[in-house]
Amino acid sequence: AADMICTGKHIRAGVALDRGILDEVVEIQPNHKLSMERLILRTRAIRFAIEVANNDFSDRVISRRPAPQMDEFFYVQLSNMMSKAARGFLAPKLCLQSVKAAQESPTFEAGLKAERDLFMKLATGPQSRAQQHIFFSQRQISKIPGINPKLAKDIKSVGIIGCGTMGGGILMCFVEKGFPVVVLEPQQRFLDKGLGVVKANWQRQVKKGRLSKKKFEKYISLIKPTLDYNDLSDVDIVIEAVFEKLSIKKEVFTKLDRVCKPSCILASNTSFIPIAKIAEVVSRPNKVVGCHFFAPANKMQLLENVRFDGGADDETCATVQKMAKRIGKKGVLVRSCQGFVGNRMYAVEGMEAGIMLFEGATPSQIDEVIYKDIGCAMGIFAVSDLSGVDIGYKSRKDNGMLNSPSDYGVGDVLVEKYGRLGLKAGKGYYDYPNLPKSRKGVPSKFVED
C-alpha cells in the first residue's frame, strides 16, 4: 500500500482483489457491448449488496483499526527507492511522511491533520502548479486552431533515412508500435552498424525479461534495410535523420521527391535548420514538415512537428500530429525558425552550463546537479554526447557563429580540435570505454584537465 501511495502506480483489478482492496471482480466478456456491461455490473452490485446487508462491518471502518507497526528499516528502504525513482520530486517523500504519520500519531484525527498539512504544503507549492501546467498543456497541444484533426490520414508504413543515433532511435519508436519500416543508408557497413545497435538494445530488454523473444523476432521482421531509394516508393512518410548539413539534406530530399509517391510526407529530423530551406528542392512543399525527435528518440516523449509558411498544409500537419499519438509521443506543432522551440529553450541552459565550465566546474559536476537535485533523466552534457556534440558545432559553424576564437565554447573545441563527437565516437564530454556493450559514460580526465 505504501508503494502504491508513494508512486501512484495503477494495479489490475485481479491484483486489487488479491490484496483485499476489492470485494469482488465482475468478469466481462470481450463481445459485450457497453450497455450490457453496465447492466451486468449493476445487477451484480445489487446482488452483492443484498448478500452482505446484514454483515457486521465495524472492523472495516478505518478509524477503528489499529495502525500496523512497521520497522524504521521499511521507511528507509522505501525512501531510498523514491529518491531514485522520483529524483527532484517532493510529493513521494511527503506521501511517505503521511504513511508514517498514520503509525506515529496518537489518534486517527491527529493523523488526518498531519496528512492534511502535508497535502496543503504540496498543493500550494511550485511543483504542484508546474505539474498542473504540464497536465493541461499536454491536453491543449492536440487542439490546434484552424486545423481539423479529421483531416489526418493514416500512416501505415514508414521510411527512415539514416540509422545512426537518431535514425536508429526513431526506427525503434515505429517498430515497437507495429509499423513496418524501410531504413536506408548509403553503405552496407553503416546499415550493419546502426541495426546492430538497435538489435543490441532490444536484446538487453530480452535478457532482463522486459521483452519476449517472440516480440523481438516480430520487431526484426518489421524492418527492411536497404541501400536503394526506390524501396521507399510506397511508404506513407519518410523521416530524414542524416547529418545536420543543409547541402546533404537537400540532396536527400531531391532524391525522395523523385521516388516517393505524391501523397508521401517528406519529414526532416533536423534540430536547427529552417524547414523552408530544405523544402526549396522539392515539388511538393505542402508535404514537407519537420519531425524533430529528441534523444534518446525511443524514450523521449516530445516530438516537435515543424511547419512553415507555404509548406506543410493542414492535412500534413494533422497527419503528423496523429502519428505522434500513435507512437506514444507528445506531438507539439510549432513554427519554423532557427532551433525551433525546444532547442531555443535548451540553448539558454546550454549557454549557462558552458559558462560554468569556464568558471571551473566539470561536466560531471554540473550533470550531477541536473540529474540528482533537479530530477532530469540526464544531465545536459550527457545529452549532448548522446545526440552528438558535433550537431551544435556544425550549426554554429554553418551559420557564421564561430568566426573568431572568442566565439568557441568547450564543446566546439572538443569537436574541431580533438574529434570528440560524443557517444558515437566513444568520446565527447565523457569517455565511453565499454562500447558497444555499455553506453555508460565516465568522467573524462582529458576534458576536465
Foldseek 3Di string as FASTA:
>chain_A
DLLCQLPVDDDDPVVCCVVVVDVDDDDDDPPDDPVRVVVSVVVVVVVVCVVCVPPDCPQVPVQPDQQDDDDVVVLVVQVVVCLQVFFQDDRSVLSSVLSVLSNPPPGPVSSVVSNVVSVVCLCPDPVVVVVVCVVVVLVCQLDDPPFDLVLEDDFQAEEEEFLPQARVLVLLLQLVLPHQYEYEYQDPVRVCVSVVLSLLVVVVCCVVVNDPPVSSVSSVVSYHYDNDLLVQAEGQEYEYDDAQDLVVLLVVVLSNLVRHDPNHAYEYQAQFDFQVSSCPNHPAQLRYWYFHAAPVRNPAQETEIEDEVVGHDSHNVSHVCVVSVSSRHSYGYFYTDGRTPVRVVVVVVVVVVLVVVVVQDAQVVQFCCCCRNNPDVTRPQLSQQSVWLVRVLVVCVVVVQPPDPVSDTLSNCCCPPPNQTHQVVQGGCFHNVDPPNDSDTDHDPVSSD
